Amino acid sequence: MRHEIVEIAPPGPPADPRRDWPPNLREEFERNQFNGVVGNLLVSETERVRVWHLSLLPGGWLTFHRHVLDYFWTTPTAGVARGYYEDGRIVDVHHYPGETRHFQHGLDEHFVHAIENVGDTELVFITVEFLQGANPPIALPETVKLEAGPQLQDAAEMATP
């Protein structure tokens, strides 16, 4: 098993890196480039970490989002994710089950991209962001957070001495 990257389009010119993208994709980038939602669902958050689930069926799309925190992701599935990057690159990334990647961001560093499932299998990623780093976390809307159901609340109460 191996991680393979196939370039679909190279980075664009520095003055206008997304020049060759269709207008709707450029507009979506402009609307979402400061979006901190890095998955479909934030399943856990503490003072130290955020844990995200991302599931994309074939043809599925996760809009542009910004990474500013140190993080890692892992995937239990094989599949092909097309990445659209801030510098205009478009690449297909072939993932394998168990693949895990780690990323670090220094002060004022960031990474913006969107993900499209261009394969024929569901893509699943678990992403863990570390909240105590060089950059403050991006505020998130409540709508992306997993609501604690009664069984989760009951378990938390039972664990409290």
C-alpha atoms as a PDB file:
ATOM      1  CA  MET A   1       0.000   0.000   0.000  1.00  0.00           C
ATOM      2  CA  ARG A   2       1.266   3.432  -0.824  1.00  0.00           C
ATOM      3  CA  HIS A   3       0.289   7.051  -0.828  1.00  0.00           C
ATOM      4  CA  GLU A   4       0.232   8.304  -4.416  1.00  0.00           C
ATOM      5  CA  ILE A   5      -0.279  11.862  -5.638  1.00  0.00           C
ATOM      6  CA  VAL A   6      -1.227  12.560  -9.254  1.00  0.00           C
ATOM      7  CA  GLU A   7      -1.055  16.192 -10.349  1.00  0.00           C
ATOM      8  CA  ILE A   8      -4.119  17.284 -12.318  1.00  0.00           C
ATOM      9  CA  ALA A   9      -3.155  20.979 -12.519  1.00  0.00           C
ATOM     10  CA  PRO A  10       0.041  22.730 -11.368  1.00  0.00           C
ATOM     11  CA  PRO A  11       0.103  25.790  -9.106  1.00  0.00           C
ATOM     12  CA  GLY A  12      -1.121  28.929 -10.811  1.00  0.00           C
ATOM     13  CA  PRO A  13       0.923  32.100 -11.272  1.00  0.00           C
ATOM     14  CA  PRO A  14       1.760  33.893  -7.989  1.00  0.00           C
ATOM     15  CA  ALA A  15      -0.206  36.997  -9.000  1.00  0.00           C
ATOM     16  CA  ASP A  16      -3.419  34.976  -9.585  1.00  0.00           C
ATOM     17  CA  PRO A  17      -2.921  31.349  -8.480  1.00  0.00           C
ATOM     18  CA  ARG A  18      -6.540  30.249  -9.083  1.00  0.00           C
ATOM     19  CA  ARG A  19      -6.817  32.008 -12.462  1.00  0.00           C
ATOM     20  CA  ASP A  20      -7.546  28.788 -14.362  1.00  0.00           C
ATOM     21  CA  TRP A  21     -10.282  27.551 -12.033  1.00  0.00           C
ATOM     22  CA  PRO A  22     -13.907  27.930 -13.166  1.00  0.00           C
ATOM     23  CA  PRO A  23     -15.672  31.009 -11.716  1.00  0.00           C
ATOM     24  CA  ASN A  24     -17.872  28.996  -9.331  1.00  0.00           C
ATOM     25  CA  LEU A  25     -14.808  27.317  -7.753  1.00  0.00           C
ATOM     26  CA  ARG A  26     -12.992  30.646  -7.365  1.00  0.00           C
ATOM     27  CA  GLU A  27     -16.102  32.142  -5.755  1.00  0.00           C
ATOM     28  CA  GLU A  28     -16.428  29.200  -3.354  1.00  0.00           C
ATOM     29  CA  PHE A  29     -12.781  29.622  -2.365  1.00  0.00           C
ATOM     30  CA  GLU A  30     -13.321  33.343  -1.653  1.00  0.00           C
ATOM     31  CA  ARG A  31     -16.415  32.610   0.471  1.00  0.00           C
ATOM     32  CA  ASN A  32     -14.825  29.834   2.544  1.00  0.00           C
ATOM     33  CA  GLN A  33     -11.065  30.474   2.734  1.00  0.00           C
ATOM     34  CA  PHE A  34     -11.294  31.391   6.444  1.00  0.00           C
ATOM     35  CA  ASN A  35     -13.637  28.504   7.311  1.00  0.00           C
ATOM     36  CA  GLY A  36     -12.312  26.374  10.195  1.00  0.00           C
ATOM     37  CA  VAL A  37     -14.652  23.399   9.625  1.00  0.00           C
ATOM     38  CA  VAL A  38     -12.205  20.634   8.674  1.00  0.00           C
ATOM     39  CA  GLY A  39     -14.694  17.730   8.670  1.00  0.00           C
ATOM     40  CA  ASN A  40     -18.394  16.871   8.486  1.00  0.00           C
ATOM     41  CA  LEU A  41     -18.823  16.613  12.235  1.00  0.00           C
ATOM     42  CA  LEU A  42     -16.903  17.744  15.305  1.00  0.00           C
ATOM     43  CA  VAL A  43     -17.380  14.689  17.548  1.00  0.00           C
ATOM     44  CA  SER A  44     -15.291  15.794  20.534  1.00  0.00           C
ATOM     45  CA  GLU A  45     -13.669  18.947  21.837  1.00  0.00           C
ATOM     46  CA  THR A  46     -11.655  19.536  24.989  1.00  0.00           C
ATOM     47  CA  GLU A  47      -9.338  22.348  26.033  1.00  0.00           C
ATOM     48  CA  ARG A  48      -6.553  20.443  24.220  1.00  0.00           C
ATOM     49  CA  VAL A  49      -8.027  18.803  21.089  1.00  0.00           C
ATOM     50  CA  ARG A  50     -10.799  18.780  18.520  1.00  0.00           C
ATOM     51  CA  VAL A  51     -11.717  15.422  16.962  1.00  0.00           C
ATOM     52  CA  TRP A  52     -13.435  15.469  13.581  1.00  0.00           C
ATOM     53  CA  HIS A  53     -15.098  12.833  11.406  1.00  0.00           C
ATOM     54  CA  LEU A  54     -15.191  13.300   7.648  1.00  0.00           C
ATOM     55  CA  SER A  55     -17.158  10.980   5.423  1.00  0.00           C
ATOM     56  CA  LEU A  56     -17.487  11.559   1.686  1.00  0.00           C
ATOM     57  CA  LEU A  57     -19.495   9.269  -0.570  1.00  0.00           C
ATOM     58  CA  PRO A  58     -18.336   9.056  -4.206  1.00  0.00           C
ATOM     59  CA  GLY A  59     -18.845  12.509  -5.694  1.00  0.00           C
ATOM     60  CA  GLY A  60     -18.961  14.058  -2.195  1.00  0.00           C
ATOM     61  CA  TRP A  61     -17.418  17.439  -1.439  1.00  0.00           C
ATOM     62  CA  LEU A  62     -15.966  19.195   1.609  1.00  0.00           C
ATOM     63  CA  THR A  63     -15.698  22.903   0.852  1.00  0.00           C
ATOM     64  CA  PHE A  64     -12.605  25.018   1.316  1.00  0.00           C
ATOM     65  CA  HIS A  65     -11.338  25.217   4.852  1.00  0.00           C
ATOM     66  CA  ARG A  66      -8.325  26.630   6.638  1.00  0.00           C
ATOM     67  CA  HIS A  67      -5.917  24.681   8.834  1.00  0.00           C
ATOM     68  CA  VAL A  68      -4.017  26.825  11.350  1.00  0.00           C
ATOM     69  CA  LEU A  69      -3.476  24.254  14.111  1.00  0.00           C
ATOM     70  CA  ASP A  70      -1.087  21.329  14.344  1.00  0.00           C
ATOM     71  CA  TYR A  71      -3.085  18.223  13.444  1.00  0.00           C
ATOM     72  CA  PHE A  72      -3.076  14.700  12.096  1.00  0.00           C
ATOM     73  CA  TRP A  73      -5.553  12.637  10.167  1.00  0.00           C
ATOM     74  CA  THR A  74      -5.957   8.932   9.624  1.00  0.00           C
ATOM     75  CA  THR A  75      -8.200   6.959   7.291  1.00  0.00           C
ATOM     76  CA  PRO A  76      -9.578   3.438   7.669  1.00  0.00           C
ATOM     77  CA  THR A  77     -10.585   3.345   3.973  1.00  0.00           C
ATOM     78  CA  ALA A  78      -8.983   3.262   0.552  1.00  0.00           C
ATOM     79  CA  GLY A  79     -10.029   5.822  -2.021  1.00  0.00           C
ATOM     80  CA  VAL A  80      -9.162   8.791  -4.188  1.00  0.00           C
ATOM     81  CA  ALA A  81      -9.497  12.363  -2.917  1.00  0.00           C
ATOM     82  CA  ARG A  82      -9.098  15.290  -5.266  1.00  0.00           C
ATOM     83  CA  GLY A  83      -7.563  18.253  -3.476  1.00  0.00           C
ATOM     84  CA  TYR A  84      -8.036  21.854  -4.555  1.00  0.00           C
ATOM     85  CA  TYR A  85      -5.323  24.018  -3.000  1.00  0.00           C
ATOM     86  CA  GLU A  86      -4.957  27.731  -2.309  1.00  0.00           C
ATOM     87  CA  ASP A  87      -2.001  27.954  -4.732  1.00  0.00           C
ATOM     88  CA  GLY A  88      -4.180  26.695  -7.607  1.00  0.00           C
ATOM     89  CA  ARG A  89      -2.917  23.101  -7.602  1.00  0.00           C
ATOM     90  CA  ILE A  90      -5.364  20.297  -8.172  1.00  0.00           C
ATOM     91  CA  VAL A  91      -4.162  16.810  -7.255  1.00  0.00           C
ATOM     92  CA  ASP A  92      -5.635  13.348  -6.871  1.00  0.00           C
ATOM     93  CA  VAL A  93      -4.416  11.597  -3.737  1.00  0.00           C
ATOM     94  CA  HIS A  94      -4.747   7.804  -3.546  1.00  0.00           C
ATOM     95  CA  HIS A  95      -5.250   6.769   0.076  1.00  0.00           C
ATOM     96  CA  TYR A  96      -4.903   3.366   1.742  1.00  0.00           C
ATOM     97  CA  PRO A  97      -6.471   1.995   4.948  1.00  0.00           C
ATOM     98  CA  GLY A  98      -4.489   3.031   8.010  1.00  0.00           C
ATOM     99  CA  GLU A  99      -2.734   5.900   6.279  1.00  0.00           C
ATOM    100  CA  THR A 100      -1.909   8.670   8.750  1.00  0.00           C
ATOM    101  CA  ARG A 101      -0.350  12.083   8.096  1.00  0.00           C
ATOM    102  CA  HIS A 102       0.873  14.742  10.548  1.00  0.00           C
ATOM    103  CA  PHE A 103       1.030  18.512   9.935  1.00  0.00           C
ATOM    104  CA  GLN A 104       2.468  21.447  11.878  1.00  0.00           C
ATOM    105  CA  HIS A 105       1.759  25.164  11.547  1.00  0.00           C
ATOM    106  CA  GLY A 106       4.022  27.853  12.933  1.00  0.00           C
ATOM    107  CA  LEU A 107       2.905  31.326  13.905  1.00  0.00           C
ATOM    108  CA  ASP A 108       0.686  32.821  11.172  1.00  0.00           C
ATOM    109  CA  GLU A 109       1.085  29.736   8.945  1.00  0.00           C
ATOM    110  CA  HIS A 110      -1.976  28.130   7.369  1.00  0.00           C
ATOM    111  CA  PHE A 111      -3.134  25.666   4.744  1.00  0.00           C
ATOM    112  CA  VAL A 112      -6.354  26.062   2.691  1.00  0.00           C
ATOM    113  CA  HIS A 113      -7.909  23.331   0.567  1.00  0.00           C
ATOM    114  CA  ALA A 114     -11.127  21.554  -0.432  1.00  0.00           C
ATOM    115  CA  ILE A 115     -11.663  17.824  -0.913  1.00  0.00           C
ATOM    116  CA  GLU A 116     -13.745  15.956  -3.502  1.00  0.00           C
ATOM    117  CA  ASN A 117     -14.201  12.176  -3.535  1.00  0.00           C
ATOM    118  CA  VAL A 118     -13.430  11.229  -7.149  1.00  0.00           C
ATOM    119  CA  GLY A 119     -13.165   7.503  -6.413  1.00  0.00           C
ATOM    120  CA  ASP A 120     -15.822   4.807  -6.249  1.00  0.00           C
ATOM    121  CA  THR A 121     -15.614   4.088  -2.500  1.00  0.00           C
ATOM    122  CA  GLU A 122     -16.598   6.098   0.556  1.00  0.00           C
ATOM    123  CA  LEU A 123     -13.722   8.127   1.983  1.00  0.00           C
ATOM    124  CA  VAL A 124     -13.519   8.353   5.766  1.00  0.00           C
ATOM    125  CA  PHE A 125     -11.034  10.471   7.716  1.00  0.00           C
ATOM    126  CA  ILE A 126     -10.595  11.120  11.414  1.00  0.00           C
ATOM    127  CA  THR A 127      -8.772  14.395  12.080  1.00  0.00           C
ATOM    128  CA  VAL A 128      -7.368  15.489  15.433  1.00  0.00           C
ATOM    129  CA  GLU A 129      -6.467  19.164  15.853  1.00  0.00           C
ATOM    130  CA  PHE A 130      -4.283  20.315  18.758  1.00  0.00           C
ATOM    131  CA  LEU A 131      -5.689  23.528  20.219  1.00  0.00           C
ATOM    132  CA  GLN A 132      -2.573  24.609  22.112  1.00  0.00           C
ATOM    133  CA  GLY A 133      -0.216  25.688  19.361  1.00  0.00           C
ATOM    134  CA  ALA A 134       1.329  28.707  17.695  1.00  0.00           C
ATOM    135  CA  ASN A 135      -2.016  29.972  16.338  1.00  0.00           C
ATOM    136  CA  PRO A 136      -5.390  30.448  17.982  1.00  0.00           C
ATOM    137  CA  PRO A 137      -8.125  28.054  16.837  1.00  0.00           C
ATOM    138  CA  ILE A 138     -10.713  29.302  14.354  1.00  0.00           C
ATOM    139  CA  ALA A 139     -14.164  29.786  15.892  1.00  0.00           C
ATOM    140  CA  LEU A 140     -16.725  27.220  14.761  1.00  0.00           C
ATOM    141  CA  PRO A 141     -20.492  27.318  14.286  1.00  0.00           C
ATOM    142  CA  GLU A 142     -22.486  25.218  16.755  1.00  0.00           C
ATOM    143  CA  THR A 143     -24.104  23.390  13.811  1.00  0.00           C
ATOM    144  CA  VAL A 144     -20.954  21.300  13.177  1.00  0.00           C
ATOM    145  CA  LYS A 145     -20.788  19.965  16.736  1.00  0.00           C
ATOM    146  CA  LEU A 146     -22.140  16.569  17.741  1.00  0.00           C
ATOM    147  CA  GLU A 147     -24.991  17.055  20.161  1.00  0.00           C
ATOM    148  CA  ALA A 148     -24.712  14.952  23.289  1.00  0.00           C
ATOM    149  CA  GLY A 149     -27.632  12.511  23.283  1.00  0.00           C
ATOM    150  CA  PRO A 150     -29.121  11.157  26.514  1.00  0.00           C
ATOM    151  CA  GLN A 151     -26.885   8.077  26.474  1.00  0.00           C
ATOM    152  CA  LEU A 152     -23.753  10.251  26.208  1.00  0.00           C
ATOM    153  CA  GLN A 153     -24.924  12.540  28.997  1.00  0.00           C
ATOM    154  CA  ASP A 154     -25.783   9.550  31.211  1.00  0.00           C
ATOM    155  CA  ALA A 155     -22.334   7.996  30.650  1.00  0.00           C
ATOM    156  CA  ALA A 156     -20.635  11.297  31.508  1.00  0.00           C
ATOM    157  CA  GLU A 157     -22.680  11.643  34.686  1.00  0.00           C
ATOM    158  CA  MET A 158     -21.884   8.053  35.734  1.00  0.00           C
ATOM    159  CA  ALA A 159     -18.165   8.716  35.281  1.00  0.00           C
ATOM    160  CA  THR A 160     -18.289  11.731  37.590  1.00  0.00           C
ATOM    161  CA  PRO A 161     -17.475  10.798  41.220  1.00  0.00           C
END
